[in-house]
Amino acid sequence: MRFVLFAVLLAVSLSPSLTYATETTFVVPADDGYGMDDCLAEGKACAKLVADSWCQVKGMSVAIRFERASAEDITASLTSKVAVNPSQNAYLITCRN
């Protein structure tokens, strides 16, 4: 009886349909060394590859969204005014497990 219960619990825990996908958004500087500015800024074919690589380095599996970050994306959670240099490009990459 214990073996059957253990087998059922193991099967349920390994079932892919019960795995919850998590999403995390990272703010990535353009000069981070992954070719962000070269690929993402111009929407080149390598953009998806660069974003996926970033996600994999962070322990996630795939990029589901990537775009240029605005100043509000970077400073919106701050309570005081902060000057943001518009020449410092950054990107938002949203990754999913």
PDB file of N, CA and C in Angstrom:
ATOM      1  N   MET A   1       0.827  -1.193   0.000  1.00  0.00           N
ATOM      2  CA  MET A   1       0.000   0.000   0.000  1.00  0.00           C
ATOM      3  C   MET A   1       0.875   1.261   0.000  1.00  0.00           C
ATOM      4  N   ARG A   2       1.934   1.238   0.789  1.00  0.00           N
ATOM      5  CA  ARG A   2       2.825   2.400   0.842  1.00  0.00           C
ATOM      6  C   ARG A   2       3.477   2.646  -0.512  1.00  0.00           C
ATOM      7  N   PHE A   3       3.840   1.556  -1.195  1.00  0.00           N
ATOM      8  CA  PHE A   3       4.476   1.690  -2.502  1.00  0.00           C
ATOM      9  C   PHE A   3       3.534   2.350  -3.507  1.00  0.00           C
ATOM     10  N   VAL A   4       2.266   1.963  -3.497  1.00  0.00           N
ATOM     11  CA  VAL A   4       1.284   2.542  -4.413  1.00  0.00           C
ATOM     12  C   VAL A   4       1.111   4.028  -4.121  1.00  0.00           C
ATOM     13  N   LEU A   5       1.012   4.388  -2.855  1.00  0.00           N
ATOM     14  CA  LEU A   5       0.867   5.791  -2.473  1.00  0.00           C
ATOM     15  C   LEU A   5       2.102   6.588  -2.894  1.00  0.00           C
ATOM     16  N   PHE A   6       3.274   6.021  -2.677  1.00  0.00           N
ATOM     17  CA  PHE A   6       4.514   6.684  -3.074  1.00  0.00           C
ATOM     18  C   PHE A   6       4.557   6.875  -4.592  1.00  0.00           C
ATOM     19  N   ALA A   7       4.180   5.849  -5.343  1.00  0.00           N
ATOM     20  CA  ALA A   7       4.197   5.924  -6.809  1.00  0.00           C
ATOM     21  C   ALA A   7       3.233   6.997  -7.322  1.00  0.00           C
ATOM     22  N   VAL A   8       2.070   7.092  -6.709  1.00  0.00           N
ATOM     23  CA  VAL A   8       1.090   8.109  -7.115  1.00  0.00           C
ATOM     24  C   VAL A   8       1.626   9.508  -6.813  1.00  0.00           C
ATOM     25  N   LEU A   9       2.175   9.698  -5.636  1.00  0.00           N
ATOM     26  CA  LEU A   9       2.722  11.011  -5.273  1.00  0.00           C
ATOM     27  C   LEU A   9       3.888  11.393  -6.179  1.00  0.00           C
ATOM     28  N   LEU A  10       4.732  10.438  -6.523  1.00  0.00           N
ATOM     29  CA  LEU A  10       5.855  10.708  -7.408  1.00  0.00           C
ATOM     30  C   LEU A  10       5.354  11.084  -8.805  1.00  0.00           C
ATOM     31  N   ALA A  11       4.374  10.371  -9.311  1.00  0.00           N
ATOM     32  CA  ALA A  11       3.824  10.665 -10.636  1.00  0.00           C
ATOM     33  C   ALA A  11       3.193  12.050 -10.678  1.00  0.00           C
ATOM     34  N   VAL A  12       2.477  12.420  -9.642  1.00  0.00           N
ATOM     35  CA  VAL A  12       1.839  13.743  -9.585  1.00  0.00           C
ATOM     36  C   VAL A  12       2.892  14.840  -9.511  1.00  0.00           C
ATOM     37  N   SER A  13       3.943  14.627  -8.736  1.00  0.00           N
ATOM     38  CA  SER A  13       4.960  15.673  -8.586  1.00  0.00           C
ATOM     39  C   SER A  13       5.776  15.856  -9.862  1.00  0.00           C
ATOM     40  N   LEU A  14       5.892  14.822 -10.692  1.00  0.00           N
ATOM     41  CA  LEU A  14       6.662  14.926 -11.928  1.00  0.00           C
ATOM     42  C   LEU A  14       5.813  15.288 -13.138  1.00  0.00           C
ATOM     43  N   SER A  15       4.534  15.392 -12.969  1.00  0.00           N
ATOM     44  CA  SER A  15       3.630  15.680 -14.077  1.00  0.00           C
ATOM     45  C   SER A  15       3.871  17.088 -14.615  1.00  0.00           C
ATOM     46  N   PRO A  16       4.175  17.228 -15.912  1.00  0.00           N
ATOM     47  CA  PRO A  16       4.416  18.567 -16.470  1.00  0.00           C
ATOM     48  C   PRO A  16       3.179  19.455 -16.479  1.00  0.00           C
ATOM     49  N   SER A  17       2.006  18.860 -16.471  1.00  0.00           N
ATOM     50  CA  SER A  17       0.797  19.685 -16.500  1.00  0.00           C
ATOM     51  C   SER A  17       0.566  20.405 -15.176  1.00  0.00           C
ATOM     52  N   LEU A  18       1.213  19.949 -14.120  1.00  0.00           N
ATOM     53  CA  LEU A  18       1.046  20.583 -12.822  1.00  0.00           C
ATOM     54  C   LEU A  18       2.180  21.535 -12.482  1.00  0.00           C
ATOM     55  N   THR A  19       3.134  21.659 -13.374  1.00  0.00           N
ATOM     56  CA  THR A  19       4.254  22.557 -13.142  1.00  0.00           C
ATOM     57  C   THR A  19       3.819  23.982 -13.465  1.00  0.00           C
ATOM     58  N   TYR A  20       4.067  24.874 -12.541  1.00  0.00           N
ATOM     59  CA  TYR A  20       3.673  26.262 -12.742  1.00  0.00           C
ATOM     60  C   TYR A  20       4.819  27.033 -13.374  1.00  0.00           C
ATOM     61  N   ALA A  21       4.518  27.734 -14.433  1.00  0.00           N
ATOM     62  CA  ALA A  21       5.519  28.570 -15.089  1.00  0.00           C
ATOM     63  C   ALA A  21       5.666  29.862 -14.297  1.00  0.00           C
ATOM     64  N   THR A  22       6.892  30.264 -14.113  1.00  0.00           N
ATOM     65  CA  THR A  22       7.147  31.535 -13.449  1.00  0.00           C
ATOM     66  C   THR A  22       7.813  32.466 -14.451  1.00  0.00           C
ATOM     67  N   GLU A  23       7.495  33.731 -14.312  1.00  0.00           N
ATOM     68  CA  GLU A  23       8.075  34.748 -15.179  1.00  0.00           C
ATOM     69  C   GLU A  23       8.832  35.756 -14.323  1.00  0.00           C
ATOM     70  N   THR A  24       9.981  36.163 -14.821  1.00  0.00           N
ATOM     71  CA  THR A  24      10.792  37.169 -14.151  1.00  0.00           C
ATOM     72  C   THR A  24      11.281  38.153 -15.205  1.00  0.00           C
ATOM     73  N   THR A  25      11.199  39.443 -14.889  1.00  0.00           N
ATOM     74  CA  THR A  25      11.681  40.470 -15.803  1.00  0.00           C
ATOM     75  C   THR A  25      12.966  41.059 -15.249  1.00  0.00           C
ATOM     76  N   PHE A  26      13.975  41.102 -16.098  1.00  0.00           N
ATOM     77  CA  PHE A  26      15.279  41.646 -15.731  1.00  0.00           C
ATOM     78  C   PHE A  26      15.512  42.949 -16.480  1.00  0.00           C
ATOM     79  N   VAL A  27      16.144  43.912 -15.816  1.00  0.00           N
ATOM     80  CA  VAL A  27      16.606  45.134 -16.475  1.00  0.00           C
ATOM     81  C   VAL A  27      18.080  44.903 -16.762  1.00  0.00           C
ATOM     82  N   VAL A  28      18.422  44.912 -18.040  1.00  0.00           N
ATOM     83  CA  VAL A  28      19.767  44.549 -18.467  1.00  0.00           C
ATOM     84  C   VAL A  28      20.429  45.743 -19.146  1.00  0.00           C
ATOM     85  N   PRO A  29      21.608  46.170 -18.656  1.00  0.00           N
ATOM     86  CA  PRO A  29      22.314  47.265 -19.321  1.00  0.00           C
ATOM     87  C   PRO A  29      22.735  46.853 -20.729  1.00  0.00           C
ATOM     88  N   ALA A  30      22.737  47.798 -21.639  1.00  0.00           N
ATOM     89  CA  ALA A  30      23.084  47.515 -23.031  1.00  0.00           C
ATOM     90  C   ALA A  30      24.517  47.030 -23.175  1.00  0.00           C
ATOM     91  N   ASP A  31      25.391  47.479 -22.299  1.00  0.00           N
ATOM     92  CA  ASP A  31      26.806  47.119 -22.410  1.00  0.00           C
ATOM     93  C   ASP A  31      27.168  45.936 -21.511  1.00  0.00           C
ATOM     94  N   ASP A  32      26.239  45.033 -21.288  1.00  0.00           N
ATOM     95  CA  ASP A  32      26.462  43.912 -20.386  1.00  0.00           C
ATOM     96  C   ASP A  32      27.338  42.816 -20.989  1.00  0.00           C
ATOM     97  N   GLY A  33      27.657  42.901 -22.252  1.00  0.00           N
ATOM     98  CA  GLY A  33      28.550  41.928 -22.854  1.00  0.00           C
ATOM     99  C   GLY A  33      27.853  40.805 -23.602  1.00  0.00           C
ATOM    100  N   TYR A  34      26.554  40.851 -23.720  1.00  0.00           N
ATOM    101  CA  TYR A  34      25.814  39.813 -24.437  1.00  0.00           C
ATOM    102  C   TYR A  34      25.392  40.252 -25.830  1.00  0.00           C
ATOM    103  N   GLY A  35      25.809  41.418 -26.255  1.00  0.00           N
ATOM    104  CA  GLY A  35      25.414  41.911 -27.566  1.00  0.00           C
ATOM    105  C   GLY A  35      24.030  42.529 -27.562  1.00  0.00           C
ATOM    106  N   MET A  36      23.601  42.986 -26.392  1.00  0.00           N
ATOM    107  CA  MET A  36      22.256  43.555 -26.258  1.00  0.00           C
ATOM    108  C   MET A  36      22.038  44.691 -27.251  1.00  0.00           C
ATOM    109  N   ASP A  37      22.952  45.642 -27.230  1.00  0.00           N
ATOM    110  CA  ASP A  37      22.761  46.822 -28.068  1.00  0.00           C
ATOM    111  C   ASP A  37      22.848  46.471 -29.547  1.00  0.00           C
ATOM    112  N   ASP A  38      23.707  45.536 -29.899  1.00  0.00           N
ATOM    113  CA  ASP A  38      23.854  45.153 -31.306  1.00  0.00           C
ATOM    114  C   ASP A  38      22.609  44.469 -31.850  1.00  0.00           C
ATOM    115  N   CYS A  39      22.001  43.592 -31.054  1.00  0.00           N
ATOM    116  CA  CYS A  39      20.884  42.779 -31.560  1.00  0.00           C
ATOM    117  C   CYS A  39      19.511  43.317 -31.178  1.00  0.00           C
ATOM    118  N   LEU A  40      19.334  43.674 -29.919  1.00  0.00           N
ATOM    119  CA  LEU A  40      18.009  44.081 -29.462  1.00  0.00           C
ATOM    120  C   LEU A  40      17.612  45.462 -29.953  1.00  0.00           C
ATOM    121  N   ALA A  41      18.564  46.378 -30.007  1.00  0.00           N
ATOM    122  CA  ALA A  41      18.239  47.751 -30.390  1.00  0.00           C
ATOM    123  C   ALA A  41      17.706  47.832 -31.811  1.00  0.00           C
ATOM    124  N   GLU A  42      18.257  47.032 -32.673  1.00  0.00           N
ATOM    125  CA  GLU A  42      17.884  47.122 -34.075  1.00  0.00           C
ATOM    126  C   GLU A  42      16.906  46.035 -34.497  1.00  0.00           C
ATOM    127  N   GLY A  43      16.478  45.191 -33.565  1.00  0.00           N
ATOM    128  CA  GLY A  43      15.519  44.144 -33.891  1.00  0.00           C
ATOM    129  C   GLY A  43      16.061  43.118 -34.876  1.00  0.00           C
ATOM    130  N   LYS A  44      17.342  42.851 -34.804  1.00  0.00           N
ATOM    131  CA  LYS A  44      17.965  41.888 -35.707  1.00  0.00           C
ATOM    132  C   LYS A  44      17.507  40.470 -35.366  1.00  0.00           C
ATOM    133  N   ALA A  45      17.811  39.548 -36.255  1.00  0.00           N
ATOM    134  CA  ALA A  45      17.439  38.144 -36.065  1.00  0.00           C
ATOM    135  C   ALA A  45      18.096  37.550 -34.820  1.00  0.00           C
ATOM    136  N   CYS A  46      19.214  38.087 -34.396  1.00  0.00           N
ATOM    137  CA  CYS A  46      19.916  37.543 -33.230  1.00  0.00           C
ATOM    138  C   CYS A  46      19.278  37.983 -31.914  1.00  0.00           C
ATOM    139  N   ALA A  47      18.285  38.857 -31.937  1.00  0.00           N
ATOM    140  CA  ALA A  47      17.678  39.371 -30.705  1.00  0.00           C
ATOM    141  C   ALA A  47      17.100  38.256 -29.837  1.00  0.00           C
ATOM    142  N   LYS A  48      16.365  37.345 -30.430  1.00  0.00           N
ATOM    143  CA  LYS A  48      15.769  36.237 -29.671  1.00  0.00           C
ATOM    144  C   LYS A  48      16.851  35.342 -29.077  1.00  0.00           C
ATOM    145  N   LEU A  49      17.899  35.082 -29.833  1.00  0.00           N
ATOM    146  CA  LEU A  49      19.011  34.262 -29.355  1.00  0.00           C
ATOM    147  C   LEU A  49      19.704  34.910 -28.159  1.00  0.00           C
ATOM    148  N   VAL A  50      19.944  36.205 -28.241  1.00  0.00           N
ATOM    149  CA  VAL A  50      20.590  36.931 -27.144  1.00  0.00           C
ATOM    150  C   VAL A  50      19.697  36.932 -25.903  1.00  0.00           C
ATOM    151  N   ALA A  51      18.415  37.190 -26.078  1.00  0.00           N
ATOM    152  CA  ALA A  51      17.487  37.207 -24.939  1.00  0.00           C
ATOM    153  C   ALA A  51      17.359  35.815 -24.318  1.00  0.00           C
ATOM    154  N   ASP A  52      17.263  34.783 -25.137  1.00  0.00           N
ATOM    155  CA  ASP A  52      17.200  33.416 -24.609  1.00  0.00           C
ATOM    156  C   ASP A  52      18.471  33.060 -23.845  1.00  0.00           C
ATOM    157  N   SER A  53      19.618  33.467 -24.364  1.00  0.00           N
ATOM    158  CA  SER A  53      20.893  33.200 -23.685  1.00  0.00           C
ATOM    159  C   SER A  53      20.935  33.871 -22.323  1.00  0.00           C
ATOM    160  N   TRP A  54      20.455  35.108 -22.256  1.00  0.00           N
ATOM    161  CA  TRP A  54      20.419  35.828 -20.981  1.00  0.00           C
ATOM    162  C   TRP A  54      19.565  35.063 -19.975  1.00  0.00           C
ATOM    163  N   CYS A  55      18.402  34.607 -20.412  1.00  0.00           N
ATOM    164  CA  CYS A  55      17.504  33.868 -19.520  1.00  0.00           C
ATOM    165  C   CYS A  55      18.152  32.575 -19.025  1.00  0.00           C
ATOM    166  N   GLN A  56      18.812  31.870 -19.913  1.00  0.00           N
ATOM    167  CA  GLN A  56      19.441  30.612 -19.527  1.00  0.00           C
ATOM    168  C   GLN A  56      20.561  30.831 -18.525  1.00  0.00           C
ATOM    169  N   VAL A  57      21.321  31.898 -18.677  1.00  0.00           N
ATOM    170  CA  VAL A  57      22.372  32.219 -17.709  1.00  0.00           C
ATOM    171  C   VAL A  57      21.774  32.488 -16.326  1.00  0.00           C
ATOM    172  N   LYS A  58      20.563  33.039 -16.311  1.00  0.00           N
ATOM    173  CA  LYS A  58      19.888  33.346 -15.045  1.00  0.00           C
ATOM    174  C   LYS A  58      19.061  32.171 -14.512  1.00  0.00           C
ATOM    175  N   GLY A  59      19.197  30.993 -15.136  1.00  0.00           N
ATOM    176  CA  GLY A  59      18.513  29.809 -14.642  1.00  0.00           C
ATOM    177  C   GLY A  59      17.088  29.649 -15.142  1.00  0.00           C
ATOM    178  N   MET A  60      16.700  30.442 -16.098  1.00  0.00           N
ATOM    179  CA  MET A  60      15.365  30.345 -16.688  1.00  0.00           C
ATOM    180  C   MET A  60      15.517  29.623 -18.029  1.00  0.00           C
ATOM    181  N   SER A  61      14.392  29.309 -18.689  1.00  0.00           N
ATOM    182  CA  SER A  61      14.540  28.528 -19.911  1.00  0.00           C
ATOM    183  C   SER A  61      14.435  29.339 -21.195  1.00  0.00           C
ATOM    184  N   VAL A  62      13.516  30.304 -21.256  1.00  0.00           N
ATOM    185  CA  VAL A  62      13.290  30.992 -22.526  1.00  0.00           C
ATOM    186  C   VAL A  62      12.825  32.428 -22.289  1.00  0.00           C
ATOM    187  N   ALA A  63      13.178  33.307 -23.233  1.00  0.00           N
ATOM    188  CA  ALA A  63      12.713  34.692 -23.183  1.00  0.00           C
ATOM    189  C   ALA A  63      11.352  34.772 -23.860  1.00  0.00           C
ATOM    190  N   ILE A  64      10.389  35.377 -23.187  1.00  0.00           N
ATOM    191  CA  ILE A  64       9.070  35.525 -23.789  1.00  0.00           C
ATOM    192  C   ILE A  64       8.810  36.949 -24.262  1.00  0.00           C
ATOM    193  N   ARG A  65       9.634  37.899 -23.792  1.00  0.00           N
ATOM    194  CA  ARG A  65       9.490  39.287 -24.229  1.00  0.00           C
ATOM    195  C   ARG A  65      10.824  40.002 -24.010  1.00  0.00           C
ATOM    196  N   PHE A  66      11.172  40.862 -24.926  1.00  0.00           N
ATOM    197  CA  PHE A  66      12.369  41.687 -24.770  1.00  0.00           C
ATOM    198  C   PHE A  66      12.145  42.986 -25.502  1.00  0.00           C
ATOM    199  N   GLU A  67      12.533  44.086 -24.850  1.00  0.00           N
ATOM    200  CA  GLU A  67      12.302  45.414 -25.414  1.00  0.00           C
ATOM    201  C   GLU A  67      13.202  46.436 -24.734  1.00  0.00           C
ATOM    202  N   ARG A  68      13.311  47.582 -25.345  1.00  0.00           N
ATOM    203  CA  ARG A  68      14.095  48.666 -24.741  1.00  0.00           C
ATOM    204  C   ARG A  68      13.359  49.177 -23.504  1.00  0.00           C
ATOM    205  N   ALA A  69      14.092  49.414 -22.442  1.00  0.00           N
ATOM    206  CA  ALA A  69      13.516  49.929 -21.200  1.00  0.00           C
ATOM    207  C   ALA A  69      13.405  51.445 -21.277  1.00  0.00           C
ATOM    208  N   SER A  70      12.342  51.956 -20.703  1.00  0.00           N
ATOM    209  CA  SER A  70      12.198  53.409 -20.608  1.00  0.00           C
ATOM    210  C   SER A  70      12.736  53.853 -19.249  1.00  0.00           C
ATOM    211  N   ALA A  71      12.907  55.139 -19.064  1.00  0.00           N
ATOM    212  CA  ALA A  71      13.377  55.655 -17.781  1.00  0.00           C
ATOM    213  C   ALA A  71      12.414  55.275 -16.660  1.00  0.00           C
ATOM    214  N   GLU A  72      11.118  55.247 -16.954  1.00  0.00           N
ATOM    215  CA  GLU A  72      10.123  54.884 -15.935  1.00  0.00           C
ATOM    216  C   GLU A  72      10.235  53.419 -15.532  1.00  0.00           C
ATOM    217  N   ASP A  73      10.628  52.564 -16.465  1.00  0.00           N
ATOM    218  CA  ASP A  73      10.811  51.151 -16.142  1.00  0.00           C
ATOM    219  C   ASP A  73      11.895  50.963 -15.094  1.00  0.00           C
ATOM    220  N   ILE A  74      12.884  51.829 -15.126  1.00  0.00           N
ATOM    221  CA  ILE A  74      14.029  51.684 -14.233  1.00  0.00           C
ATOM    222  C   ILE A  74      13.802  52.403 -12.906  1.00  0.00           C
ATOM    223  N   THR A  75      13.136  53.540 -12.907  1.00  0.00           N
ATOM    224  CA  THR A  75      13.030  54.358 -11.699  1.00  0.00           C
ATOM    225  C   THR A  75      11.630  54.426 -11.098  1.00  0.00           C
ATOM    226  N   ALA A  76      10.660  53.723 -11.654  1.00  0.00           N
ATOM    227  CA  ALA A  76       9.265  53.865 -11.209  1.00  0.00           C
ATOM    228  C   ALA A  76       9.042  53.471  -9.755  1.00  0.00           C
ATOM    229  N   SER A  77       9.844  52.574  -9.221  1.00  0.00           N
ATOM    230  CA  SER A  77       9.620  52.138  -7.846  1.00  0.00           C
ATOM    231  C   SER A  77      10.309  53.030  -6.814  1.00  0.00           C
ATOM    232  N   LEU A  78      11.056  54.014  -7.266  1.00  0.00           N
ATOM    233  CA  LEU A  78      11.742  54.910  -6.337  1.00  0.00           C
ATOM    234  C   LEU A  78      10.790  55.992  -5.853  1.00  0.00           C
ATOM    235  N   THR A  79      10.974  56.401  -4.608  1.00  0.00           N
ATOM    236  CA  THR A  79      10.094  57.418  -4.037  1.00  0.00           C
ATOM    237  C   THR A  79      10.612  58.837  -4.282  1.00  0.00           C
ATOM    238  N   SER A  80      11.887  58.982  -4.589  1.00  0.00           N
ATOM    239  CA  SER A  80      12.415  60.313  -4.868  1.00  0.00           C
ATOM    240  C   SER A  80      12.847  60.392  -6.325  1.00  0.00           C
ATOM    241  N   LYS A  81      12.943  61.621  -6.820  1.00  0.00           N
ATOM    242  CA  LYS A  81      13.332  61.831  -8.217  1.00  0.00           C
ATOM    243  C   LYS A  81      14.790  61.429  -8.420  1.00  0.00           C
ATOM    244  N   VAL A  82      15.029  60.746  -9.522  1.00  0.00           N
ATOM    245  CA  VAL A  82      16.383  60.334  -9.878  1.00  0.00           C
ATOM    246  C   VAL A  82      16.618  60.714 -11.330  1.00  0.00           C
ATOM    247  N   ALA A  83      17.766  61.317 -11.598  1.00  0.00           N
ATOM    248  CA  ALA A  83      18.102  61.662 -12.976  1.00  0.00           C
ATOM    249  C   ALA A  83      18.598  60.413 -13.697  1.00  0.00           C
ATOM    250  N   VAL A  84      18.037  60.150 -14.858  1.00  0.00           N
ATOM    251  CA  VAL A  84      18.452  59.007 -15.656  1.00  0.00           C
ATOM    252  C   VAL A  84      19.080  59.534 -16.928  1.00  0.00           C
ATOM    253  N   ASN A  85      20.266  59.082 -17.202  1.00  0.00           N
ATOM    254  CA  ASN A  85      20.970  59.491 -18.401  1.00  0.00           C
ATOM    255  C   ASN A  85      20.399  58.716 -19.588  1.00  0.00           C
ATOM    256  N   PRO A  86      19.737  59.395 -20.527  1.00  0.00           N
ATOM    257  CA  PRO A  86      19.122  58.687 -21.658  1.00  0.00           C
ATOM    258  C   PRO A  86      20.123  57.994 -22.565  1.00  0.00           C
ATOM    259  N   SER A  87      21.408  58.349 -22.460  1.00  0.00           N
ATOM    260  CA  SER A  87      22.404  57.687 -23.294  1.00  0.00           C
ATOM    261  C   SER A  87      22.760  56.304 -22.752  1.00  0.00           C
ATOM    262  N   GLN A  88      22.360  56.015 -21.541  1.00  0.00           N
ATOM    263  CA  GLN A  88      22.615  54.695 -20.963  1.00  0.00           C
ATOM    264  C   GLN A  88      21.438  53.785 -21.300  1.00  0.00           C
ATOM    265  N   ASN A  89      21.546  53.034 -22.370  1.00  0.00           N
ATOM    266  CA  ASN A  89      20.472  52.159 -22.802  1.00  0.00           C
ATOM    267  C   ASN A  89      20.360  50.948 -21.891  1.00  0.00           C
ATOM    268  N   ALA A  90      19.156  50.503 -21.717  1.00  0.00           N
ATOM    269  CA  ALA A  90      18.899  49.278 -20.971  1.00  0.00           C
ATOM    270  C   ALA A  90      17.730  48.577 -21.653  1.00  0.00           C
ATOM    271  N   TYR A  91      17.630  47.289 -21.406  1.00  0.00           N
ATOM    272  CA  TYR A  91      16.571  46.480 -22.003  1.00  0.00           C
ATOM    273  C   TYR A  91      15.852  45.700 -20.921  1.00  0.00           C
ATOM    274  N   LEU A  92      14.585  45.426 -21.174  1.00  0.00           N
ATOM    275  CA  LEU A  92      13.789  44.547 -20.304  1.00  0.00           C
ATOM    276  C   LEU A  92      13.720  43.199 -20.996  1.00  0.00           C
ATOM    277  N   ILE A  93      14.077  42.156 -20.269  1.00  0.00           N
ATOM    278  CA  ILE A  93      13.950  40.809 -20.785  1.00  0.00           C
ATOM    279  C   ILE A  93      13.115  40.024 -19.803  1.00  0.00           C
ATOM    280  N   THR A  94      11.989  39.511 -20.255  1.00  0.00           N
ATOM    281  CA  THR A  94      11.104  38.698 -19.417  1.00  0.00           C
ATOM    282  C   THR A  94      11.338  37.237 -19.765  1.00  0.00           C
ATOM    283  N   CYS A  95      11.707  36.473 -18.747  1.00  0.00           N
ATOM    284  CA  CYS A  95      12.042  35.067 -18.923  1.00  0.00           C
ATOM    285  C   CYS A  95      10.991  34.193 -18.254  1.00  0.00           C
ATOM    286  N   ARG A  96      10.849  32.992 -18.781  1.00  0.00           N
ATOM    287  CA  ARG A  96       9.913  32.006 -18.204  1.00  0.00           C
ATOM    288  C   ARG A  96      10.678  30.713 -17.935  1.00  0.00           C
ATOM    289  N   ASN A  97      10.282  30.068 -16.844  1.00  0.00           N
ATOM    290  CA  ASN A  97      10.853  28.741 -16.535  1.00  0.00           C
ATOM    291  C   ASN A  97      10.443  27.744 -17.566  1.00  0.00           C
TER     292      ASN A  97
END
